[in-house]
Amino acid sequence: MKKLEELFDLPRSNESDPEEDLVYTPEQTQSIMTEIDDTIDKIDAALPGVRDLSSSDSEMDELADLAKGSYKDLIDLGMNVDSRFAAEIFSVAATMLGHALTAKQAKLSKKLKMIDLQLKKANLDAKLLDSDKQPAQQGQGHVLDRNELLDRLLGDRKTNAKKG
C-alpha cells in the first residue's frame, strides 16, 4: 500500500513508521505466536458450545409445514369464493408458499454454512500440522539460461542424428 507522502508527492515526514521499526527475531516471533495461540484457546474455552442446532431445524420444518397448510387452505377458499375476492386470497396464499420456501432455504443455508465452517477448520488444522513439518524435497533443479538450454537441445539433436 502506498503511503500518503508517495501518493500526493509530499516530502517525507521525519516521523518513522512504527511498523518499520518492528523487526522480530524468530524466537520472538515464536513466543508471540505461542501467546496468540494461548489467547485463542482461552477464548474458545470461554465461549459456550453451540447447542440445539437440531431444534432450529425442527422449528424451520414446523414453520414450513404451517405455511404449506395455510397455502392449501387459502387455495381451497379462493376456489370457493366469488372471483372478485379470489385474487386477494390467492395473493395471500402465494405469500404463504413463499414463507414455506424461505424457511426451507434458511434451514439449508444454515447447514451449508456449518459444513463450510467445518471444512475451513479442517483445512486450517491441516495447515497448522503441515507447518510443523519440513517440506519434502521432490527433486533436484538446475537453473539454465536460454543459451545453455539451446546448447543442450542442439547437442542432443546432433548426437541423435549421428546415431540414426
C-alpha atoms as a PDB file:
ATOM      1  CA  MET A   1       0.000   0.000   0.000  1.00  0.00           C
ATOM      2  CA  LYS A   2       1.357   3.413  -0.884  1.00  0.00           C
ATOM      3  CA  LYS A   3       1.907   5.901   1.830  1.00  0.00           C
ATOM      4  CA  LEU A   4       0.207   9.272   1.681  1.00  0.00           C
ATOM      5  CA  GLU A   5       3.505  11.042   1.093  1.00  0.00           C
ATOM      6  CA  GLU A   6       4.142   8.950  -2.017  1.00  0.00           C
ATOM      7  CA  LEU A   7       0.562   9.236  -3.223  1.00  0.00           C
ATOM      8  CA  PHE A   8       0.437  13.051  -3.057  1.00  0.00           C
ATOM      9  CA  ASP A   9       4.124  13.648  -3.835  1.00  0.00           C
ATOM     10  CA  LEU A  10       4.735  15.255  -0.451  1.00  0.00           C
ATOM     11  CA  PRO A  11       8.119  15.418   1.267  1.00  0.00           C
ATOM     12  CA  ARG A  12       8.717  12.562   3.665  1.00  0.00           C
ATOM     13  CA  SER A  13       7.899  13.261   7.273  1.00  0.00           C
ATOM     14  CA  ASN A  14      10.538  12.913   9.974  1.00  0.00           C
ATOM     15  CA  GLU A  15       8.396  10.528  11.973  1.00  0.00           C
ATOM     16  CA  SER A  16       9.281   6.905  11.458  1.00  0.00           C
ATOM     17  CA  ASP A  17       6.578   4.355  10.804  1.00  0.00           C
ATOM     18  CA  PRO A  18       6.125   2.180  13.899  1.00  0.00           C
ATOM     19  CA  GLU A  19       5.659  -0.907  11.719  1.00  0.00           C
ATOM     20  CA  GLU A  20       9.019  -0.322  10.031  1.00  0.00           C
ATOM     21  CA  ASP A  21      10.808  -0.321  13.393  1.00  0.00           C
ATOM     22  CA  LEU A  22       9.361  -3.688  14.417  1.00  0.00           C
ATOM     23  CA  VAL A  23      11.739  -6.418  13.348  1.00  0.00           C
ATOM     24  CA  TYR A  24      11.421  -9.631  15.337  1.00  0.00           C
ATOM     25  CA  THR A  25      13.835 -12.482  15.658  1.00  0.00           C
ATOM     26  CA  PRO A  26      12.494 -15.993  15.036  1.00  0.00           C
ATOM     27  CA  GLU A  27      12.490 -16.641  18.785  1.00  0.00           C
ATOM     28  CA  GLN A  28      10.430 -13.504  19.445  1.00  0.00           C
ATOM     29  CA  THR A  29       8.038 -14.421  16.659  1.00  0.00           C
ATOM     30  CA  GLN A  30       7.635 -17.917  18.102  1.00  0.00           C
ATOM     31  CA  SER A  31       6.893 -16.540  21.573  1.00  0.00           C
ATOM     32  CA  ILE A  32       4.332 -14.092  20.142  1.00  0.00           C
ATOM     33  CA  MET A  33       2.667 -16.914  18.207  1.00  0.00           C
ATOM     34  CA  THR A  34       2.562 -19.022  21.386  1.00  0.00           C
ATOM     35  CA  GLU A  35       0.889 -16.154  23.254  1.00  0.00           C
ATOM     36  CA  ILE A  36      -1.666 -15.752  20.467  1.00  0.00           C
ATOM     37  CA  ASP A  37      -2.397 -19.486  20.472  1.00  0.00           C
ATOM     38  CA  ASP A  38      -2.875 -19.439  24.250  1.00  0.00           C
ATOM     39  CA  THR A  39      -5.228 -16.463  23.973  1.00  0.00           C
ATOM     40  CA  ILE A  40      -7.270 -18.196  21.267  1.00  0.00           C
ATOM     41  CA  ASP A  41      -7.501 -21.312  23.440  1.00  0.00           C
ATOM     42  CA  LYS A  42      -8.727 -19.201  26.366  1.00  0.00           C
ATOM     43  CA  ILE A  43     -11.369 -17.564  24.166  1.00  0.00           C
ATOM     44  CA  ASP A  44     -12.508 -20.940  22.835  1.00  0.00           C
ATOM     45  CA  ALA A  45     -12.791 -22.288  26.370  1.00  0.00           C
ATOM     46  CA  ALA A  46     -14.763 -19.239  27.494  1.00  0.00           C
ATOM     47  CA  LEU A  47     -17.309 -19.465  24.685  1.00  0.00           C
ATOM     48  CA  PRO A  48     -20.156 -21.862  25.326  1.00  0.00           C
ATOM     49  CA  GLY A  49     -20.608 -24.693  22.894  1.00  0.00           C
ATOM     50  CA  VAL A  50     -23.174 -24.364  20.158  1.00  0.00           C
ATOM     51  CA  ARG A  51     -26.280 -26.132  21.379  1.00  0.00           C
ATOM     52  CA  ASP A  52     -29.609 -27.116  19.930  1.00  0.00           C
ATOM     53  CA  LEU A  53     -28.675 -26.961  16.264  1.00  0.00           C
ATOM     54  CA  SER A  54     -31.278 -29.612  15.516  1.00  0.00           C
ATOM     55  CA  SER A  55     -34.008 -27.723  17.398  1.00  0.00           C
ATOM     56  CA  SER A  56     -33.843 -24.834  14.946  1.00  0.00           C
ATOM     57  CA  ASP A  57     -34.141 -27.375  12.116  1.00  0.00           C
ATOM     58  CA  SER A  58     -37.337 -28.747  13.607  1.00  0.00           C
ATOM     59  CA  GLU A  59     -38.665 -25.215  14.141  1.00  0.00           C
ATOM     60  CA  MET A  60     -37.990 -24.342  10.486  1.00  0.00           C
ATOM     61  CA  ASP A  61     -39.720 -27.563   9.400  1.00  0.00           C
ATOM     62  CA  GLU A  62     -42.694 -26.720  11.598  1.00  0.00           C
ATOM     63  CA  LEU A  63     -42.937 -23.217  10.126  1.00  0.00           C
ATOM     64  CA  ALA A  64     -42.721 -24.591   6.598  1.00  0.00           C
ATOM     65  CA  ASP A  65     -45.472 -27.144   7.337  1.00  0.00           C
ATOM     66  CA  LEU A  66     -47.726 -24.445   8.825  1.00  0.00           C
ATOM     67  CA  ALA A  67     -47.183 -22.210   5.817  1.00  0.00           C
ATOM     68  CA  LYS A  68     -47.927 -25.074   3.397  1.00  0.00           C
ATOM     69  CA  GLY A  69     -51.079 -25.943   5.320  1.00  0.00           C
ATOM     70  CA  SER A  70     -52.211 -22.319   5.227  1.00  0.00           C
ATOM     71  CA  TYR A  71     -51.469 -22.212   1.498  1.00  0.00           C
ATOM     72  CA  LYS A  72     -53.663 -25.240   0.847  1.00  0.00           C
ATOM     73  CA  ASP A  73     -56.488 -23.821   2.978  1.00  0.00           C
ATOM     74  CA  LEU A  74     -56.320 -20.470   1.207  1.00  0.00           C
ATOM     75  CA  ILE A  75     -56.304 -22.095  -2.240  1.00  0.00           C
ATOM     76  CA  ASP A  76     -59.407 -24.094  -1.323  1.00  0.00           C
ATOM     77  CA  LEU A  77     -61.058 -20.932  -0.003  1.00  0.00           C
ATOM     78  CA  GLY A  78     -60.105 -18.987  -3.137  1.00  0.00           C
ATOM     79  CA  MET A  79     -61.730 -21.622  -5.324  1.00  0.00           C
ATOM     80  CA  ASN A  80     -64.991 -21.374  -3.361  1.00  0.00           C
ATOM     81  CA  VAL A  81     -65.474 -17.579  -3.211  1.00  0.00           C
ATOM     82  CA  ASP A  82     -66.565 -15.023  -5.749  1.00  0.00           C
ATOM     83  CA  SER A  83     -63.914 -14.280  -8.386  1.00  0.00           C
ATOM     84  CA  ARG A  84     -63.588 -10.622  -7.369  1.00  0.00           C
ATOM     85  CA  PHE A  85     -62.362 -11.710  -3.884  1.00  0.00           C
ATOM     86  CA  ALA A  86     -60.340 -14.684  -5.052  1.00  0.00           C
ATOM     87  CA  ALA A  87     -57.392 -12.630  -6.361  1.00  0.00           C
ATOM     88  CA  GLU A  88     -56.530 -11.268  -2.936  1.00  0.00           C
ATOM     89  CA  ILE A  89     -56.892 -14.700  -1.323  1.00  0.00           C
ATOM     90  CA  PHE A  90     -54.605 -16.257  -3.955  1.00  0.00           C
ATOM     91  CA  SER A  91     -52.100 -13.482  -3.366  1.00  0.00           C
ATOM     92  CA  VAL A  92     -52.005 -14.278   0.348  1.00  0.00           C
ATOM     93  CA  ALA A  93     -51.726 -17.998  -0.485  1.00  0.00           C
ATOM     94  CA  ALA A  94     -48.705 -17.277  -2.689  1.00  0.00           C
ATOM     95  CA  THR A  95     -47.164 -15.329   0.196  1.00  0.00           C
ATOM     96  CA  MET A  96     -47.653 -18.333   2.479  1.00  0.00           C
ATOM     97  CA  LEU A  97     -45.946 -20.586  -0.047  1.00  0.00           C
ATOM     98  CA  GLY A  98     -43.093 -18.060  -0.206  1.00  0.00           C
ATOM     99  CA  HIS A  99     -42.732 -18.256   3.572  1.00  0.00           C
ATOM    100  CA  ALA A 100     -42.545 -22.046   3.386  1.00  0.00           C
ATOM    101  CA  LEU A 101     -39.786 -21.815   0.772  1.00  0.00           C
ATOM    102  CA  THR A 102     -37.913 -19.237   2.837  1.00  0.00           C
ATOM    103  CA  ALA A 103     -37.998 -21.493   5.903  1.00  0.00           C
ATOM    104  CA  LYS A 104     -36.616 -24.436   3.908  1.00  0.00           C
ATOM    105  CA  GLN A 105     -33.929 -22.238   2.341  1.00  0.00           C
ATOM    106  CA  ALA A 106     -32.884 -20.878   5.735  1.00  0.00           C
ATOM    107  CA  LYS A 107     -32.530 -24.420   7.060  1.00  0.00           C
ATOM    108  CA  LEU A 108     -30.456 -25.485   4.049  1.00  0.00           C
ATOM    109  CA  SER A 109     -28.355 -22.325   4.184  1.00  0.00           C
ATOM    110  CA  LYS A 110     -27.541 -22.902   7.850  1.00  0.00           C
ATOM    111  CA  LYS A 111     -26.454 -26.471   7.142  1.00  0.00           C
ATOM    112  CA  LEU A 112     -24.254 -25.358   4.251  1.00  0.00           C
ATOM    113  CA  LYS A 113     -22.634 -22.674   6.403  1.00  0.00           C
ATOM    114  CA  MET A 114     -21.918 -25.227   9.116  1.00  0.00           C
ATOM    115  CA  ILE A 115     -20.346 -27.580   6.561  1.00  0.00           C
ATOM    116  CA  ASP A 116     -18.296 -24.691   5.159  1.00  0.00           C
ATOM    117  CA  LEU A 117     -17.064 -23.762   8.629  1.00  0.00           C
ATOM    118  CA  GLN A 118     -16.154 -27.379   9.363  1.00  0.00           C
ATOM    119  CA  LEU A 119     -14.203 -27.618   6.107  1.00  0.00           C
ATOM    120  CA  LYS A 120     -12.384 -24.353   6.830  1.00  0.00           C
ATOM    121  CA  LYS A 121     -11.497 -25.575  10.323  1.00  0.00           C
ATOM    122  CA  ALA A 122     -10.225 -28.894   8.964  1.00  0.00           C
ATOM    123  CA  ASN A 123      -8.183 -27.042   6.344  1.00  0.00           C
ATOM    124  CA  LEU A 124      -6.706 -24.725   8.968  1.00  0.00           C
ATOM    125  CA  ASP A 125      -5.879 -27.659  11.253  1.00  0.00           C
ATOM    126  CA  ALA A 126      -4.173 -29.440   8.353  1.00  0.00           C
ATOM    127  CA  LYS A 127      -2.147 -26.316   7.538  1.00  0.00           C
ATOM    128  CA  LEU A 128      -1.086 -25.978  11.164  1.00  0.00           C
ATOM    129  CA  LEU A 129       0.044 -29.616  11.237  1.00  0.00           C
ATOM    130  CA  ASP A 130       1.903 -29.241   7.947  1.00  0.00           C
ATOM    131  CA  SER A 131       3.651 -26.063   9.088  1.00  0.00           C
ATOM    132  CA  ASP A 132       5.409 -28.059  11.810  1.00  0.00           C
ATOM    133  CA  LYS A 133       6.911 -30.460   9.250  1.00  0.00           C
ATOM    134  CA  GLN A 134       9.619 -29.574   6.800  1.00  0.00           C
ATOM    135  CA  PRO A 135       8.504 -29.859   3.191  1.00  0.00           C
ATOM    136  CA  ALA A 136       9.892 -32.937   1.477  1.00  0.00           C
ATOM    137  CA  GLN A 137      12.268 -32.311  -1.368  1.00  0.00           C
ATOM    138  CA  GLN A 138      10.669 -33.681  -4.510  1.00  0.00           C
ATOM    139  CA  GLY A 139      13.512 -33.450  -6.953  1.00  0.00           C
ATOM    140  CA  GLN A 140      16.638 -31.601  -7.982  1.00  0.00           C
ATOM    141  CA  GLY A 141      16.573 -28.452 -10.007  1.00  0.00           C
ATOM    142  CA  HIS A 142      19.091 -26.666 -12.140  1.00  0.00           C
ATOM    143  CA  VAL A 143      18.682 -23.132 -13.413  1.00  0.00           C
ATOM    144  CA  LEU A 144      19.612 -22.711 -17.047  1.00  0.00           C
ATOM    145  CA  ASP A 145      19.710 -19.595 -19.093  1.00  0.00           C
ATOM    146  CA  ARG A 146      18.436 -19.525 -22.657  1.00  0.00           C
ATOM    147  CA  ASN A 147      21.790 -20.175 -24.305  1.00  0.00           C
ATOM    148  CA  GLU A 148      22.617 -23.196 -22.127  1.00  0.00           C
ATOM    149  CA  LEU A 149      19.220 -24.687 -22.865  1.00  0.00           C
ATOM    150  CA  LEU A 150      19.654 -24.207 -26.616  1.00  0.00           C
ATOM    151  CA  ASP A 151      23.144 -25.734 -26.474  1.00  0.00           C
ATOM    152  CA  ARG A 152      21.804 -28.798 -24.674  1.00  0.00           C
ATOM    153  CA  LEU A 153      18.881 -29.188 -27.073  1.00  0.00           C
ATOM    154  CA  LEU A 154      21.049 -28.757 -30.148  1.00  0.00           C
ATOM    155  CA  GLY A 155      23.688 -31.053 -28.664  1.00  0.00           C
ATOM    156  CA  ASP A 156      21.072 -33.778 -28.093  1.00  0.00           C
ATOM    157  CA  ARG A 157      19.837 -33.343 -31.652  1.00  0.00           C
ATOM    158  CA  LYS A 158      23.348 -33.660 -33.081  1.00  0.00           C
ATOM    159  CA  THR A 159      24.108 -36.844 -31.091  1.00  0.00           C
ATOM    160  CA  ASN A 160      20.786 -38.379 -32.154  1.00  0.00           C
ATOM    161  CA  ALA A 161      21.492 -37.523 -35.803  1.00  0.00           C
ATOM    162  CA  LYS A 162      24.895 -39.289 -35.642  1.00  0.00           C
ATOM    163  CA  LYS A 163      23.313 -42.430 -34.171  1.00  0.00           C
ATOM    164  CA  GLY A 164      20.496 -42.585 -36.760  1.00  0.00           C
END
